[in-house]
Protein backbone atom coordinates (compact mmCIF):
# COMPACT_ATOMS: atom_id res chain seq x y z
CA MET A 1 212.91 64.60 120.94
CA ARG A 2 212.88 63.01 117.54
CA TYR A 3 211.86 59.24 116.42
CA ALA A 4 212.90 57.65 113.38
CA THR A 5 211.78 54.21 111.88
CA VAL A 6 214.32 52.40 109.84
CA LEU A 7 214.12 49.10 107.78
CA LEU A 8 217.52 47.25 108.53
CA ARG A 9 218.03 44.15 106.10
CA TRP A 10 221.00 41.82 105.84
CA GLU A 11 221.63 39.35 103.03
CA ASN A 12 225.31 38.02 103.45
CA THR A 13 225.57 37.99 107.54
CA GLU A 14 223.97 37.13 110.38
CA LEU A 15 222.54 39.59 112.74
CA LEU A 16 221.64 36.98 115.48
CA PRO A 17 222.46 33.49 115.50
CA LEU A 18 220.16 31.02 113.61
CA ASN A 19 218.68 34.01 111.54
CA SER A 20 219.37 32.38 108.05
CA ALA A 21 218.37 29.07 109.52
CA ILE A 22 215.07 30.17 110.77
CA ALA A 23 214.24 32.05 107.72
CA ALA A 24 214.83 29.09 105.46
CA GLU A 25 212.20 27.30 107.43
CA PRO A 26 208.78 27.07 105.87
CA ASP A 27 206.88 26.63 108.96
CA LEU A 28 208.60 28.83 111.36
CA ARG A 29 209.42 32.43 111.69
CA VAL A 30 210.23 35.06 114.39
CA GLU A 31 207.68 37.76 114.56
CA ALA A 32 209.28 40.40 116.91
CA ILE A 33 212.28 40.94 119.48
CA TYR A 34 210.67 42.13 122.69
CA TYR A 35 213.90 42.72 124.29
CA ILE A 36 217.78 42.12 123.97
CA ASN A 37 219.63 42.26 127.27
CA PRO A 38 223.79 41.94 127.32
CA VAL A 39 224.71 39.18 129.72
CA ARG A 40 228.32 38.99 131.31
CA GLY A 41 230.59 36.50 129.30
CA GLU A 42 229.70 38.02 125.81
CA ARG A 43 226.43 36.74 125.51
CA TYR A 44 223.01 38.08 125.30
CA ALA A 45 219.40 37.27 126.75
CA GLU A 46 216.67 37.65 124.22
CA LEU A 47 212.83 37.44 124.44
CA SER A 48 211.10 37.00 121.00
CA ARG A 49 207.68 36.05 119.69
CA PHE A 50 207.81 33.04 117.43
CA ARG A 51 205.07 31.57 115.14
CA GLY A 52 205.08 28.08 113.75
CA ASP A 53 206.40 24.68 114.46
CA MET A 54 208.13 25.09 117.95
CA THR A 55 209.44 21.48 117.82
CA ARG A 56 211.27 22.50 114.80
CA ALA A 57 212.50 25.57 117.04
CA ARG A 58 213.66 23.41 119.58
CA GLU A 59 215.56 21.21 117.24
CA LEU A 60 217.40 24.23 115.84
CA PHE A 61 218.25 25.59 119.26
CA ASP A 62 219.35 22.30 120.50
CA GLU A 63 221.70 21.74 117.34
CA SER A 64 223.38 25.35 117.32
CA PRO A 65 226.61 25.62 119.15
CA HIS A 66 225.86 29.52 119.69
CA VAL A 67 222.69 28.83 121.79
CA ASN A 68 223.36 28.32 125.42
CA GLN A 69 219.78 28.29 126.96
CA PHE A 70 216.11 28.40 125.81
CA GLU A 71 212.78 27.84 127.07
CA VAL A 72 210.16 27.43 124.30
CA PRO A 73 206.45 27.48 124.63
CA GLY A 74 203.93 24.85 123.40
CA GLU A 75 203.51 23.27 120.06
CA THR A 76 202.79 26.39 118.09
CA ASP A 77 203.23 30.37 118.59
CA GLY A 78 204.59 32.07 121.92
CA ILE A 79 207.10 33.92 123.64
CA VAL A 80 210.61 32.37 123.34
CA TYR A 81 213.54 32.94 125.89
CA LEU A 82 216.95 32.51 124.23
CA GLN A 83 220.48 32.94 125.74
CA TYR A 84 223.15 32.90 123.09
CA GLU A 85 226.71 33.61 122.23
CA SER A 86 227.57 37.26 120.97
CA ALA A 87 227.63 38.01 117.36
CA PRO A 88 229.96 40.47 115.43
CA VAL A 89 227.10 42.64 113.82
CA LEU A 90 224.85 42.53 116.77
CA ASP A 91 227.98 43.71 118.97
CA ASP A 92 228.51 46.60 116.60
CA LEU A 93 224.96 47.59 116.56
CA MET A 94 224.39 47.36 120.29
CA SER A 95 227.59 49.15 120.90
CA LEU A 96 226.68 51.97 118.48
CA PHE A 97 223.35 52.54 120.08
CA SER A 98 225.34 52.61 123.70
CA ASP A 99 227.99 54.89 122.04
CA HIS A 100 225.51 57.32 120.97
CA ALA A 101 223.01 57.22 123.93
CA VAL A 102 220.13 56.38 121.30
CA VAL A 103 216.89 54.60 122.93
CA ILE A 104 215.22 51.50 121.36
CA SER A 105 211.66 51.46 121.13
CA TRP A 106 210.49 47.83 121.65
CA PRO A 107 209.34 45.73 120.06
CA ILE A 108 211.68 45.37 116.98
CA ARG A 109 209.31 43.80 114.28
CA PHE A 110 210.63 41.21 111.69
CA THR A 111 210.01 41.30 108.18
CA GLU A 112 207.99 38.43 106.44
CA ASP A 113 211.00 36.68 104.74
CA GLY A 114 213.10 36.95 108.29
CA LEU A 115 216.11 38.90 107.01
CA GLY A 116 215.05 42.27 107.95
CA VAL A 117 213.67 44.24 110.94
CA GLU A 118 211.58 47.50 111.37
CA LEU A 119 213.51 49.41 114.08
CA THR A 120 212.51 52.71 115.94
CA LEU A 121 214.99 54.81 117.46
CA LEU A 122 214.49 57.60 119.71
CA GLY A 123 216.87 60.55 120.36
CA THR A 124 217.79 64.25 119.41
CA GLU A 125 218.05 65.01 115.82
CA SER A 126 222.08 65.02 116.02
CA VAL A 127 222.07 61.71 117.88
CA LEU A 128 220.15 59.87 115.09
CA THR A 129 221.62 61.46 112.29
CA ASP A 130 225.16 60.37 113.84
CA VAL A 131 223.82 56.92 114.42
CA PHE A 132 222.45 56.33 110.92
CA ALA A 133 225.95 57.50 109.47
CA ALA A 134 227.68 54.93 111.70
CA PHE A 135 225.77 51.77 110.77
CA PRO A 136 227.62 48.93 110.06
CA ASP A 137 228.20 48.24 106.32
CA ALA A 138 226.85 44.61 106.39
CA ILE A 139 223.45 46.13 107.38
CA GLU A 140 221.38 47.87 104.57
CA GLN A 141 219.02 50.61 106.11
CA SER A 142 216.31 52.68 104.81
CA LEU A 143 214.62 55.42 106.45
CA LEU A 144 210.71 54.88 106.85
CA ARG A 145 209.29 57.39 109.03
CA THR A 146 210.87 60.22 111.05
CA GLY A 147 209.35 63.03 113.18
CA ASP A 148 208.77 64.79 116.63
CA TYR A 149 207.98 61.99 119.07
CA SER A 150 205.24 62.19 121.61
CA GLU A 151 203.49 59.86 124.06
CA GLY A 152 200.42 60.52 122.17
CA ILE A 153 201.36 59.70 118.74
CA SER A 154 199.99 56.47 117.63
CA ASP A 155 200.34 54.63 113.89
CA PRO A 156 198.78 51.08 114.35
CA VAL A 157 199.53 50.27 110.90
CA ALA A 158 203.47 51.11 111.57
CA SER A 159 203.45 47.82 113.90
CA LEU A 160 202.38 45.86 110.78
CA THR A 161 205.17 43.97 108.91
CA GLU A 162 206.07 45.13 105.20
CA ARG A 163 204.15 42.05 103.90
CA GLN A 164 201.19 42.64 106.14
CA ARG A 165 201.18 46.30 104.99
CA GLU A 166 200.83 45.09 101.43
CA VAL A 167 198.33 42.65 102.01
CA LEU A 168 196.03 45.16 103.91
CA SER A 169 196.55 47.87 101.08
CA VAL A 170 195.57 45.33 98.52
CA ALA A 171 192.32 44.51 100.75
CA VAL A 172 191.57 48.12 101.26
CA ARG A 173 191.94 48.71 97.57
CA ASN A 174 189.84 46.15 96.35
CA GLY A 175 186.90 46.81 98.55
CA TYR A 176 187.34 44.12 100.73
CA TYR A 177 186.15 45.94 104.01
CA GLU A 178 183.56 47.55 102.25
CA SER A 179 179.72 46.88 103.20
CA PRO A 180 178.88 44.72 101.32
CA ARG A 181 182.28 43.28 100.49
CA ALA A 182 183.52 43.96 97.14
CA SER A 183 186.08 41.18 96.92
CA THR A 184 186.88 37.70 98.42
CA HIS A 185 189.85 36.03 99.69
CA ARG A 186 190.26 34.19 96.36
CA GLU A 187 190.26 37.48 94.32
CA LEU A 188 192.94 38.96 96.70
CA ALA A 189 195.12 35.86 96.44
CA GLY A 190 195.12 36.20 92.80
CA GLU A 191 196.51 39.57 93.04
CA LEU A 192 199.00 38.75 95.69
CA ASP A 193 200.03 35.48 94.21
CA ILE A 194 199.21 33.28 97.34
CA ALA A 195 196.90 30.94 98.26
CA PRO A 196 193.28 32.14 99.66
CA GLY A 197 194.12 30.32 103.02
CA THR A 198 197.30 32.32 103.33
CA VAL A 199 195.07 35.45 102.51
CA SER A 200 192.65 34.75 105.32
CA GLU A 201 195.52 33.93 107.73
CA GLN A 202 197.16 37.12 106.90
CA LEU A 203 194.10 39.16 107.31
CA GLN A 204 193.43 37.63 110.81
CA ARG A 205 196.74 38.50 112.09
CA ILE A 206 196.48 41.90 110.70
CA GLU A 207 193.22 42.52 112.38
CA ALA A 208 193.97 41.11 115.44
CA ARG A 209 197.39 43.38 115.69
CA LEU A 210 195.57 46.52 114.82
CA ILE A 211 192.68 45.93 117.35
CA GLY A 212 195.37 45.15 119.83
CA SER A 213 197.11 48.32 119.19
CA LEU A 214 193.94 50.56 119.41
CA THR A 215 192.69 48.89 122.66
CA GLU A 216 196.14 48.34 124.69
CA SER A 217 195.43 51.29 126.72
CA TRP A 218 191.91 50.80 127.74
């Protein structure tokens, strides 16, 4: 069995209802989709991890004519349940995966800007080749990794978003994880062109995700 991890991006369409609206919110983002399930009546049910202002998330869901039901956690961060009407691009993707009998490896990770996802698909070489050749024109795809799949394969860094890998790369390159540390949050922030507080927050999330990936089977 083979696996292929691809970066899917969309600039001029909506993969899911509210994608562009959420991406435009400075204090709200979708981090990952844990599962999408087709529901009778041309709808989908989804479990996703959101970060940020959950009050604003409720407002967006309430205002959207495409969202049928939702369940949102407390004030910040958590798993969100959404039930929404089908969208053409999502319909095309789900039909494509079904028609070619390809398996999705969950979760699906969003990019920092909210307009792309990293998606890992499993299947035979011919199945994966056929799927990539048939992707909807509205979706831009870039192959990131491919190879033989086995249960023992583990790449914790692959679970990071594109932006998180950039931050981690800059931190490692500048000796942040050396002992004693060769750089500070402020110095990393200067190279990344972001605030020192944002560097601190990003590194905390990166470290939490990497440690979680390494210890999830303990």
